[in-house]
PDB file of N, CA and C in Angstrom:
ATOM      1  N   UNK A   1     113.824 112.622  94.215  1.00  0.00           N
ATOM      2  CA  UNK A   1     114.435 111.302  94.261  1.00  0.00           C
ATOM      3  C   UNK A   1     115.447 111.176  93.123  1.00  0.00           C
ATOM      4  N   UNK A   2     116.648 110.785  93.462  1.00  0.00           N
ATOM      5  CA  UNK A   2     117.699 110.584  92.479  1.00  0.00           C
ATOM      6  C   UNK A   2     117.725 109.103  92.108  1.00  0.00           C
ATOM      7  N   UNK A   3     117.701 108.837  90.803  1.00  0.00           N
ATOM      8  CA  UNK A   3     117.704 107.458  90.327  1.00  0.00           C
ATOM      9  C   UNK A   3     119.051 107.150  89.696  1.00  0.00           C
ATOM     10  N   UNK A   4     119.607 106.027  90.041  1.00  0.00           N
ATOM     11  CA  UNK A   4     120.843 105.565  89.417  1.00  0.00           C
ATOM     12  C   UNK A   4     120.466 104.989  88.056  1.00  0.00           C
ATOM     13  N   UNK A   5     120.724 105.763  86.989  1.00  0.00           N
ATOM     14  CA  UNK A   5     120.292 105.359  85.656  1.00  0.00           C
ATOM     15  C   UNK A   5     121.041 104.132  85.152  1.00  0.00           C
ATOM     16  N   UNK A   6     122.269 103.940  85.587  1.00  0.00           N
ATOM     17  CA  UNK A   6     123.009 102.751  85.165  1.00  0.00           C
ATOM     18  C   UNK A   6     122.298 101.499  85.647  1.00  0.00           C
ATOM     19  N   UNK A   7     121.882 101.488  86.906  1.00  0.00           N
ATOM     20  CA  UNK A   7     121.150 100.339  87.446  1.00  0.00           C
ATOM     21  C   UNK A   7     119.801 100.190  86.758  1.00  0.00           C
ATOM     22  N   UNK A   8     119.129 101.309  86.512  1.00  0.00           N
ATOM     23  CA  UNK A   8     117.829 101.278  85.852  1.00  0.00           C
ATOM     24  C   UNK A   8     117.939 100.627  84.469  1.00  0.00           C
ATOM     25  N   UNK A   9     118.902 101.085  83.673  1.00  0.00           N
ATOM     26  CA  UNK A   9     119.061 100.537  82.324  1.00  0.00           C
ATOM     27  C   UNK A   9     119.556  99.098  82.350  1.00  0.00           C
ATOM     28  N   UNK A  10     120.296  98.725  83.383  1.00  0.00           N
ATOM     29  CA  UNK A  10     120.705  97.325  83.514  1.00  0.00           C
ATOM     30  C   UNK A  10     119.479  96.451  83.756  1.00  0.00           C
ATOM     31  N   UNK A  11     118.529  96.944  84.547  1.00  0.00           N
ATOM     32  CA  UNK A  11     117.283  96.219  84.763  1.00  0.00           C
ATOM     33  C   UNK A  11     116.488  96.058  83.478  1.00  0.00           C
ATOM     34  N   UNK A  12     116.422  97.134  82.678  1.00  0.00           N
ATOM     35  CA  UNK A  12     115.754  97.049  81.378  1.00  0.00           C
ATOM     36  C   UNK A  12     116.415  95.987  80.501  1.00  0.00           C
ATOM     37  N   UNK A  13     117.727  96.061  80.438  1.00  0.00           N
ATOM     38  CA  UNK A  13     118.495  95.137  79.586  1.00  0.00           C
ATOM     39  C   UNK A  13     118.326  93.685  80.030  1.00  0.00           C
ATOM     40  N   UNK A  14     118.458  93.449  81.319  1.00  0.00           N
ATOM     41  CA  UNK A  14     118.349  92.074  81.824  1.00  0.00           C
ATOM     42  C   UNK A  14     116.951  91.501  81.593  1.00  0.00           C
ATOM     43  N   UNK A  15     115.933  92.314  81.783  1.00  0.00           N
ATOM     44  CA  UNK A  15     114.575  91.842  81.543  1.00  0.00           C
ATOM     45  C   UNK A  15     114.390  91.504  80.067  1.00  0.00           C
ATOM     46  N   UNK A  16     114.893  92.367  79.195  1.00  0.00           N
ATOM     47  CA  UNK A  16     114.797  92.118  77.749  1.00  0.00           C
ATOM     48  C   UNK A  16     115.454  90.792  77.390  1.00  0.00           C
ATOM     49  N   UNK A  17     116.626  90.537  77.958  1.00  0.00           N
ATOM     50  CA  UNK A  17     117.324  89.280  77.683  1.00  0.00           C
ATOM     51  C   UNK A  17     116.506  88.080  78.153  1.00  0.00           C
ATOM     52  N   UNK A  18     115.881  88.199  79.301  1.00  0.00           N
ATOM     53  CA  UNK A  18     115.070  87.092  79.818  1.00  0.00           C
ATOM     54  C   UNK A  18     113.827  86.859  78.967  1.00  0.00           C
ATOM     55  N   UNK A  19     113.274  87.928  78.395  1.00  0.00           N
ATOM     56  CA  UNK A  19     112.132  87.775  77.498  1.00  0.00           C
ATOM     57  C   UNK A  19     112.578  87.092  76.209  1.00  0.00           C
ATOM     58  N   UNK A  20     113.706  87.516  75.669  1.00  0.00           N
ATOM     59  CA  UNK A  20     114.215  86.946  74.418  1.00  0.00           C
ATOM     60  C   UNK A  20     114.536  85.464  74.573  1.00  0.00           C
ATOM     61  N   UNK A  21     115.157  85.091  75.680  1.00  0.00           N
ATOM     62  CA  UNK A  21     115.544  83.690  75.879  1.00  0.00           C
ATOM     63  C   UNK A  21     114.372  82.804  76.295  1.00  0.00           C
ATOM     64  N   UNK A  22     113.251  83.418  76.642  1.00  0.00           N
ATOM     65  CA  UNK A  22     112.083  82.642  77.033  1.00  0.00           C
ATOM     66  C   UNK A  22     111.985  82.378  78.521  1.00  0.00           C
ATOM     67  N   UNK A  23     112.937  82.915  79.290  1.00  0.00           N
ATOM     68  CA  UNK A  23     112.854  82.761  80.747  1.00  0.00           C
ATOM     69  C   UNK A  23     111.601  83.443  81.291  1.00  0.00           C
ATOM     70  N   UNK A  24     111.216  84.548  80.655  1.00  0.00           N
ATOM     71  CA  UNK A  24     109.947  85.212  80.962  1.00  0.00           C
ATOM     72  C   UNK A  24     109.102  85.099  79.708  1.00  0.00           C
ATOM     73  N   UNK A  25     107.985  84.411  79.802  1.00  0.00           N
ATOM     74  CA  UNK A  25     107.129  84.241  78.631  1.00  0.00           C
ATOM     75  C   UNK A  25     105.754  84.861  78.822  1.00  0.00           C
ATOM     76  N   UNK A  26     105.461  85.333  80.026  1.00  0.00           N
ATOM     77  CA  UNK A  26     104.180  85.993  80.283  1.00  0.00           C
ATOM     78  C   UNK A  26     104.447  87.233  81.146  1.00  0.00           C
ATOM     79  N   UNK A  27     104.418  88.393  80.498  1.00  0.00           N
ATOM     80  CA  UNK A  27     104.693  89.637  81.215  1.00  0.00           C
ATOM     81  C   UNK A  27     103.671  89.874  82.315  1.00  0.00           C
ATOM     82  N   UNK A  28     102.425  89.518  82.074  1.00  0.00           N
ATOM     83  CA  UNK A  28     101.381  89.747  83.076  1.00  0.00           C
ATOM     84  C   UNK A  28     101.649  88.961  84.363  1.00  0.00           C
ATOM     85  N   UNK A  29     102.087  87.726  84.217  1.00  0.00           N
ATOM     86  CA  UNK A  29     102.397  86.927  85.411  1.00  0.00           C
ATOM     87  C   UNK A  29     103.570  87.521  86.177  1.00  0.00           C
ATOM     88  N   UNK A  30     104.586  87.941  85.436  1.00  0.00           N
ATOM     89  CA  UNK A  30     105.756  88.541  86.088  1.00  0.00           C
ATOM     90  C   UNK A  30     105.385  89.852  86.770  1.00  0.00           C
ATOM     91  N   UNK A  31     104.504  90.620  86.149  1.00  0.00           N
ATOM     92  CA  UNK A  31     104.082  91.891  86.745  1.00  0.00           C
ATOM     93  C   UNK A  31     103.285  91.691  88.027  1.00  0.00           C
ATOM     94  N   UNK A  32     102.576  90.576  88.132  1.00  0.00           N
ATOM     95  CA  UNK A  32     101.825  90.301  89.363  1.00  0.00           C
ATOM     96  C   UNK A  32     102.750  90.222  90.571  1.00  0.00           C
ATOM     97  N   UNK A  33     103.968  89.725  90.350  1.00  0.00           N
ATOM     98  CA  UNK A  33     104.920  89.660  91.460  1.00  0.00           C
ATOM     99  C   UNK A  33     105.302  91.052  91.948  1.00  0.00           C
ATOM    100  N   UNK A  34     105.352  92.015  91.030  1.00  0.00           N
ATOM    101  CA  UNK A  34     105.656  93.389  91.436  1.00  0.00           C
ATOM    102  C   UNK A  34     104.477  94.039  92.144  1.00  0.00           C
ATOM    103  N   UNK A  35     103.275  93.530  91.920  1.00  0.00           N
ATOM    104  CA  UNK A  35     102.117  94.012  92.673  1.00  0.00           C
ATOM    105  C   UNK A  35     102.214  93.561  94.131  1.00  0.00           C
ATOM    106  N   UNK A  36     102.702  92.356  94.321  1.00  0.00           N
ATOM    107  CA  UNK A  36     102.846  91.803  95.668  1.00  0.00           C
ATOM    108  C   UNK A  36     104.018  92.456  96.396  1.00  0.00           C
ATOM    109  N   UNK A  37     105.134  92.612  95.677  1.00  0.00           N
ATOM    110  CA  UNK A  37     106.367  93.158  96.256  1.00  0.00           C
ATOM    111  C   UNK A  37     106.894  94.247  95.330  1.00  0.00           C
ATOM    112  N   UNK A  38     106.514  95.518  95.573  1.00  0.00           N
ATOM    113  CA  UNK A  38     106.906  96.619  94.685  1.00  0.00           C
ATOM    114  C   UNK A  38     108.426  96.751  94.550  1.00  0.00           C
ATOM    115  N   UNK A  39     108.887  97.309  93.429  1.00  0.00           N
ATOM    116  CA  UNK A  39     110.326  97.487  93.217  1.00  0.00           C
ATOM    117  C   UNK A  39     110.955  98.350  94.312  1.00  0.00           C
ATOM    118  N   UNK A  40     112.128  97.916  94.762  1.00  0.00           N
ATOM    119  CA  UNK A  40     112.805  98.627  95.845  1.00  0.00           C
ATOM    120  C   UNK A  40     114.143  99.215  95.402  1.00  0.00           C
ATOM    121  N   UNK A  41     114.463  99.112  94.107  1.00  0.00           N
ATOM    122  CA  UNK A  41     115.738  99.638  93.615  1.00  0.00           C
ATOM    123  C   UNK A  41     115.560 100.107  92.177  1.00  0.00           C
ATOM    124  N   UNK A  42     116.482 100.938  91.696  1.00  0.00           N
ATOM    125  CA  UNK A  42     116.409 101.357  90.289  1.00  0.00           C
ATOM    126  C   UNK A  42     116.457 100.169  89.328  1.00  0.00           C
ATOM    127  N   UNK A  43     117.232  99.145  89.662  1.00  0.00           N
ATOM    128  CA  UNK A  43     117.306  97.941  88.826  1.00  0.00           C
ATOM    129  C   UNK A  43     115.922  97.307  88.686  1.00  0.00           C
ATOM    130  N   UNK A  44     115.232  97.144  89.807  1.00  0.00           N
ATOM    131  CA  UNK A  44     113.901  96.532  89.779  1.00  0.00           C
ATOM    132  C   UNK A  44     112.889  97.422  89.063  1.00  0.00           C
ATOM    133  N   UNK A  45     113.048  98.747  89.201  1.00  0.00           N
ATOM    134  CA  UNK A  45     112.169  99.678  88.482  1.00  0.00           C
ATOM    135  C   UNK A  45     112.337  99.493  86.976  1.00  0.00           C
ATOM    136  N   UNK A  46     113.581  99.398  86.509  1.00  0.00           N
ATOM    137  CA  UNK A  46     113.838  99.187  85.091  1.00  0.00           C
ATOM    138  C   UNK A  46     113.286  97.859  84.610  1.00  0.00           C
ATOM    139  N   UNK A  47     113.475  96.831  85.410  1.00  0.00           N
ATOM    140  CA  UNK A  47     112.972  95.501  85.079  1.00  0.00           C
ATOM    141  C   UNK A  47     111.452  95.546  84.931  1.00  0.00           C
ATOM    142  N   UNK A  48     110.784  96.159  85.901  1.00  0.00           N
ATOM    143  CA  UNK A  48     109.323  96.272  85.872  1.00  0.00           C
ATOM    144  C   UNK A  48     108.853  97.120  84.692  1.00  0.00           C
ATOM    145  N   UNK A  49     109.550  98.220  84.414  1.00  0.00           N
ATOM    146  CA  UNK A  49     109.150  99.087  83.313  1.00  0.00           C
ATOM    147  C   UNK A  49     109.233  98.361  81.977  1.00  0.00           C
ATOM    148  N   UNK A  50     110.231  97.516  81.799  1.00  0.00           N
ATOM    149  CA  UNK A  50     110.306  96.749  80.558  1.00  0.00           C
ATOM    150  C   UNK A  50     109.132  95.780  80.471  1.00  0.00           C
ATOM    151  N   UNK A  51     108.801  95.140  81.567  1.00  0.00           N
ATOM    152  CA  UNK A  51     107.651  94.227  81.573  1.00  0.00           C
ATOM    153  C   UNK A  51     106.361  94.968  81.232  1.00  0.00           C
ATOM    154  N   UNK A  52     106.211  96.177  81.757  1.00  0.00           N
ATOM    155  CA  UNK A  52     105.021  96.973  81.451  1.00  0.00           C
ATOM    156  C   UNK A  52     104.937  97.259  79.956  1.00  0.00           C
ATOM    157  N   UNK A  53     106.073  97.573  79.341  1.00  0.00           N
ATOM    158  CA  UNK A  53     106.078  97.831  77.907  1.00  0.00           C
ATOM    159  C   UNK A  53     105.808  96.556  77.115  1.00  0.00           C
ATOM    160  N   UNK A  54     106.335  95.436  77.579  1.00  0.00           N
ATOM    161  CA  UNK A  54     106.072  94.150  76.915  1.00  0.00           C
ATOM    162  C   UNK A  54     104.596  93.826  76.970  1.00  0.00           C
ATOM    163  N   UNK A  55     103.979  94.127  78.080  1.00  0.00           N
ATOM    164  CA  UNK A  55     102.564  93.840  78.251  1.00  0.00           C
ATOM    165  C   UNK A  55     101.724  94.643  77.263  1.00  0.00           C
ATOM    166  N   UNK A  56     102.200  95.842  76.883  1.00  0.00           N
ATOM    167  CA  UNK A  56     101.485  96.703  75.948  1.00  0.00           C
ATOM    168  C   UNK A  56     101.863  96.427  74.497  1.00  0.00           C
ATOM    169  N   UNK A  57     102.982  95.773  74.284  1.00  0.00           N
ATOM    170  CA  UNK A  57     103.523  95.556  72.942  1.00  0.00           C
ATOM    171  C   UNK A  57     103.076  94.212  72.386  1.00  0.00           C
ATOM    172  N   UNK A  58     102.915  94.148  71.077  1.00  0.00           N
ATOM    173  CA  UNK A  58     102.578  92.871  70.447  1.00  0.00           C
ATOM    174  C   UNK A  58     103.830  92.083  70.103  1.00  0.00           C
ATOM    175  N   UNK A  59     104.964  92.757  69.980  1.00  0.00           N
ATOM    176  CA  UNK A  59     106.225  92.095  69.631  1.00  0.00           C
ATOM    177  C   UNK A  59     107.180  92.240  70.805  1.00  0.00           C
ATOM    178  N   UNK A  60     106.972  91.440  71.850  1.00  0.00           N
ATOM    179  CA  UNK A  60     107.710  91.614  73.099  1.00  0.00           C
ATOM    180  C   UNK A  60     109.185  91.285  72.970  1.00  0.00           C
ATOM    181  N   UNK A  61     109.574  90.435  72.043  1.00  0.00           N
ATOM    182  CA  UNK A  61     110.977  90.032  71.966  1.00  0.00           C
ATOM    183  C   UNK A  61     111.887  91.123  71.426  1.00  0.00           C
ATOM    184  N   UNK A  62     111.315  92.076  70.718  1.00  0.00           N
ATOM    185  CA  UNK A  62     112.168  93.072  70.084  1.00  0.00           C
ATOM    186  C   UNK A  62     111.819  94.491  70.490  1.00  0.00           C
ATOM    187  N   UNK A  63     111.136  94.632  71.606  1.00  0.00           N
ATOM    188  CA  UNK A  63     110.801  95.956  72.102  1.00  0.00           C
ATOM    189  C   UNK A  63     112.046  96.619  72.671  1.00  0.00           C
ATOM    190  N   UNK A  64     112.255  97.848  72.365  1.00  0.00           N
ATOM    191  CA  UNK A  64     113.414  98.626  72.799  1.00  0.00           C
ATOM    192  C   UNK A  64     114.707  97.923  72.385  1.00  0.00           C
ATOM    193  N   UNK A  65     114.820  97.590  71.099  1.00  0.00           N
ATOM    194  CA  UNK A  65     115.993  96.879  70.579  1.00  0.00           C
ATOM    195  C   UNK A  65     117.294  97.630  70.805  1.00  0.00           C
ATOM    196  N   UNK A  66     117.213  98.933  70.962  1.00  0.00           N
ATOM    197  CA  UNK A  66     118.443  99.705  71.103  1.00  0.00           C
ATOM    198  C   UNK A  66     119.141  99.484  72.432  1.00  0.00           C
ATOM    199  N   UNK A  67     118.494  98.836  73.382  1.00  0.00           N
ATOM    200  CA  UNK A  67     119.130  98.630  74.692  1.00  0.00           C
ATOM    201  C   UNK A  67     120.102  97.499  74.645  1.00  0.00           C
TER     202      UNK A  67
END
């Protein structure tokens, strides 16, 4: 499977921005939506992967600051 990394990293970046601004304040709740409707694109995979890392991290606002 070939993944479009540009779309993947855009998903990571957009999710990070939503966490920082407070649009997403509970990673677990957001992840439940991906359980119901799995990611269907590289963008959604990146978005979900950032949420997974936020769920494991204690400092969700600054996880993967380099993105």
